[in-house]
Amino acid sequence: IIDLIDDADESATNIFENLMTVIKKSGLPFNGLTSIGADNTNVNMGNNHSIYKLFNNEIENLFKGKLS
């Protein structure tokens, strides 16, 4: 665990922004991210506007790991 965030706004955009902040704050190389895994809800892994899509816009060929 890198960080815990308490945030009532569970939109894809807000979660993505929080994740980006944590990644940058921790000093992890963003370009080293190769996969994202989360439960299968639309906000996490949906095809239109999801956390996965927001990351995939930044990182080509990002692997989508689905937890069922």
N, C-alpha and C. Protein backbone atom coordinates (compact mmCIF):
# COMPACT_ATOMS: atom_id res chain seq x y z
N ILE A 1 0.86 -1.18 0.00
CA ILE A 1 0.00 0.00 0.00
C ILE A 1 0.90 1.23 0.00
N ILE A 2 0.62 2.12 -0.94
CA ILE A 2 1.38 3.36 -1.04
C ILE A 2 0.70 4.47 -0.25
N ASP A 3 -0.64 4.54 -0.34
CA ASP A 3 -1.39 5.61 0.31
C ASP A 3 -2.85 5.20 0.43
N LEU A 4 -3.53 5.74 1.40
CA LEU A 4 -4.97 5.57 1.55
C LEU A 4 -5.63 6.93 1.40
N ILE A 5 -6.70 6.99 0.64
CA ILE A 5 -7.39 8.25 0.37
C ILE A 5 -8.85 8.10 0.74
N ASP A 6 -9.36 9.03 1.52
CA ASP A 6 -10.78 9.07 1.86
C ASP A 6 -11.41 10.17 1.02
N ASP A 7 -12.23 9.79 0.05
CA ASP A 7 -12.82 10.75 -0.87
C ASP A 7 -14.20 10.27 -1.28
N ALA A 8 -15.20 11.09 -1.04
CA ALA A 8 -16.59 10.70 -1.35
C ALA A 8 -16.90 10.75 -2.84
N ASP A 9 -16.11 11.49 -3.63
CA ASP A 9 -16.34 11.59 -5.07
C ASP A 9 -15.71 10.38 -5.75
N GLU A 10 -16.53 9.45 -6.17
CA GLU A 10 -16.04 8.21 -6.76
C GLU A 10 -16.16 8.19 -8.28
N SER A 11 -16.05 9.36 -8.90
CA SER A 11 -16.10 9.42 -10.36
C SER A 11 -14.78 8.92 -10.93
N ALA A 12 -14.81 8.46 -12.16
CA ALA A 12 -13.59 7.97 -12.82
C ALA A 12 -12.53 9.06 -12.88
N THR A 13 -12.94 10.28 -13.21
CA THR A 13 -11.99 11.38 -13.32
C THR A 13 -11.32 11.67 -11.99
N ASN A 14 -12.09 11.73 -10.92
CA ASN A 14 -11.53 12.04 -9.61
C ASN A 14 -10.61 10.92 -9.11
N ILE A 15 -11.01 9.68 -9.30
CA ILE A 15 -10.17 8.56 -8.88
C ILE A 15 -8.87 8.56 -9.68
N PHE A 16 -8.95 8.80 -10.98
CA PHE A 16 -7.75 8.87 -11.83
C PHE A 16 -6.82 9.98 -11.34
N GLU A 17 -7.36 11.16 -11.06
CA GLU A 17 -6.54 12.28 -10.59
C GLU A 17 -5.88 11.94 -9.26
N ASN A 18 -6.62 11.29 -8.34
CA ASN A 18 -6.04 10.88 -7.07
C ASN A 18 -4.91 9.87 -7.28
N LEU A 19 -5.13 8.90 -8.17
CA LEU A 19 -4.09 7.91 -8.46
C LEU A 19 -2.85 8.56 -9.06
N MET A 20 -3.03 9.51 -9.97
CA MET A 20 -1.89 10.21 -10.56
C MET A 20 -1.11 10.98 -9.51
N THR A 21 -1.82 11.61 -8.58
CA THR A 21 -1.16 12.34 -7.50
C THR A 21 -0.33 11.41 -6.64
N VAL A 22 -0.89 10.26 -6.27
CA VAL A 22 -0.18 9.29 -5.45
C VAL A 22 1.05 8.75 -6.18
N ILE A 23 0.90 8.43 -7.47
CA ILE A 23 2.03 7.92 -8.25
C ILE A 23 3.15 8.95 -8.30
N LYS A 24 2.82 10.21 -8.58
CA LYS A 24 3.83 11.27 -8.66
C LYS A 24 4.47 11.52 -7.30
N LYS A 25 3.64 11.58 -6.24
CA LYS A 25 4.13 11.86 -4.89
C LYS A 25 5.08 10.76 -4.40
N SER A 26 4.83 9.53 -4.81
CA SER A 26 5.65 8.41 -4.36
C SER A 26 6.95 8.28 -5.13
N GLY A 27 7.06 9.00 -6.24
CA GLY A 27 8.27 8.94 -7.05
C GLY A 27 8.32 7.74 -7.99
N LEU A 28 7.22 7.03 -8.11
CA LEU A 28 7.17 5.89 -9.04
C LEU A 28 7.17 6.40 -10.47
N PRO A 29 7.89 5.74 -11.38
CA PRO A 29 7.89 6.18 -12.78
C PRO A 29 6.56 5.83 -13.45
N PHE A 30 5.82 6.84 -13.88
CA PHE A 30 4.52 6.63 -14.51
C PHE A 30 4.66 5.80 -15.78
N ASN A 31 5.72 6.00 -16.53
CA ASN A 31 5.89 5.25 -17.78
C ASN A 31 6.23 3.78 -17.52
N GLY A 32 6.46 3.40 -16.28
CA GLY A 32 6.71 2.00 -15.93
C GLY A 32 5.43 1.22 -15.67
N LEU A 33 4.29 1.91 -15.66
CA LEU A 33 3.01 1.25 -15.44
C LEU A 33 2.64 0.43 -16.67
N THR A 34 2.41 -0.86 -16.48
CA THR A 34 2.12 -1.73 -17.62
C THR A 34 0.73 -2.35 -17.55
N SER A 35 0.12 -2.35 -16.37
CA SER A 35 -1.21 -2.96 -16.25
C SER A 35 -1.98 -2.27 -15.14
N ILE A 36 -3.29 -2.43 -15.20
CA ILE A 36 -4.17 -1.93 -14.16
C ILE A 36 -5.19 -3.02 -13.88
N GLY A 37 -5.40 -3.29 -12.62
CA GLY A 37 -6.37 -4.31 -12.24
C GLY A 37 -7.32 -3.75 -11.20
N ALA A 38 -8.59 -4.03 -11.36
CA ALA A 38 -9.61 -3.57 -10.43
C ALA A 38 -10.86 -4.41 -10.64
N ASP A 39 -11.84 -4.22 -9.76
CA ASP A 39 -13.08 -4.97 -9.99
C ASP A 39 -13.73 -4.48 -11.28
N ASN A 40 -14.73 -5.18 -11.71
CA ASN A 40 -15.28 -5.01 -13.06
C ASN A 40 -16.37 -3.94 -13.17
N THR A 41 -16.44 -2.99 -12.25
CA THR A 41 -17.47 -1.96 -12.34
C THR A 41 -17.17 -1.00 -13.49
N ASN A 42 -18.20 -0.34 -14.00
CA ASN A 42 -18.02 0.57 -15.13
C ASN A 42 -17.06 1.71 -14.83
N VAL A 43 -17.09 2.24 -13.60
CA VAL A 43 -16.20 3.35 -13.28
C VAL A 43 -14.73 2.91 -13.36
N ASN A 44 -14.45 1.65 -13.08
CA ASN A 44 -13.07 1.15 -13.13
C ASN A 44 -12.65 0.69 -14.52
N MET A 45 -13.47 -0.13 -15.16
CA MET A 45 -13.05 -0.81 -16.38
C MET A 45 -13.98 -0.63 -17.57
N GLY A 46 -14.94 0.28 -17.50
CA GLY A 46 -15.88 0.48 -18.60
C GLY A 46 -15.20 0.88 -19.90
N ASN A 47 -15.91 0.71 -21.01
CA ASN A 47 -15.34 1.00 -22.33
C ASN A 47 -15.36 2.47 -22.71
N ASN A 48 -16.21 3.28 -22.08
CA ASN A 48 -16.35 4.67 -22.50
C ASN A 48 -15.57 5.64 -21.64
N HIS A 49 -15.95 5.84 -20.41
CA HIS A 49 -15.26 6.78 -19.53
C HIS A 49 -14.99 6.06 -18.21
N SER A 50 -13.78 5.57 -18.06
CA SER A 50 -13.42 4.79 -16.88
C SER A 50 -11.99 5.10 -16.49
N ILE A 51 -11.59 4.62 -15.33
CA ILE A 51 -10.21 4.79 -14.89
C ILE A 51 -9.27 4.14 -15.90
N TYR A 52 -9.63 2.94 -16.36
CA TYR A 52 -8.79 2.27 -17.35
C TYR A 52 -8.62 3.13 -18.61
N LYS A 53 -9.71 3.69 -19.14
CA LYS A 53 -9.64 4.50 -20.36
C LYS A 53 -8.77 5.74 -20.14
N LEU A 54 -8.89 6.37 -18.97
CA LEU A 54 -8.09 7.56 -18.69
C LEU A 54 -6.60 7.21 -18.64
N PHE A 55 -6.26 6.08 -18.01
CA PHE A 55 -4.86 5.63 -18.02
C PHE A 55 -4.42 5.24 -19.42
N ASN A 56 -5.29 4.55 -20.16
CA ASN A 56 -4.96 4.10 -21.50
C ASN A 56 -4.74 5.27 -22.46
N ASN A 57 -5.37 6.41 -22.20
CA ASN A 57 -5.12 7.62 -22.99
C ASN A 57 -3.69 8.11 -22.79
N GLU A 58 -3.10 7.83 -21.63
CA GLU A 58 -1.75 8.27 -21.31
C GLU A 58 -0.69 7.22 -21.65
N ILE A 59 -1.08 5.94 -21.57
CA ILE A 59 -0.13 4.83 -21.77
C ILE A 59 -0.71 3.88 -22.81
N GLU A 60 -0.11 3.85 -24.00
CA GLU A 60 -0.56 2.92 -25.04
C GLU A 60 -0.30 1.49 -24.62
N ASN A 61 -1.14 0.58 -25.07
CA ASN A 61 -0.98 -0.85 -24.83
C ASN A 61 -1.03 -1.24 -23.36
N LEU A 62 -1.72 -0.46 -22.55
CA LEU A 62 -1.89 -0.79 -21.13
C LEU A 62 -2.74 -2.04 -21.02
N PHE A 63 -2.29 -3.00 -20.23
CA PHE A 63 -3.02 -4.26 -20.06
C PHE A 63 -4.15 -4.07 -19.07
N LYS A 64 -5.34 -4.54 -19.42
CA LYS A 64 -6.52 -4.46 -18.55
C LYS A 64 -6.71 -5.80 -17.86
N GLY A 65 -6.39 -5.85 -16.56
CA GLY A 65 -6.61 -7.07 -15.77
C GLY A 65 -7.93 -6.97 -15.05
N LYS A 66 -8.86 -7.86 -15.35
CA LYS A 66 -10.20 -7.82 -14.75
C LYS A 66 -10.28 -8.81 -13.59
N LEU A 67 -10.84 -8.37 -12.49
CA LEU A 67 -11.14 -9.24 -11.37
C LEU A 67 -12.62 -9.53 -11.39
N SER A 68 -13.01 -10.76 -11.41
CA SER A 68 -14.43 -11.11 -11.50
C SER A 68 -14.97 -11.51 -10.15
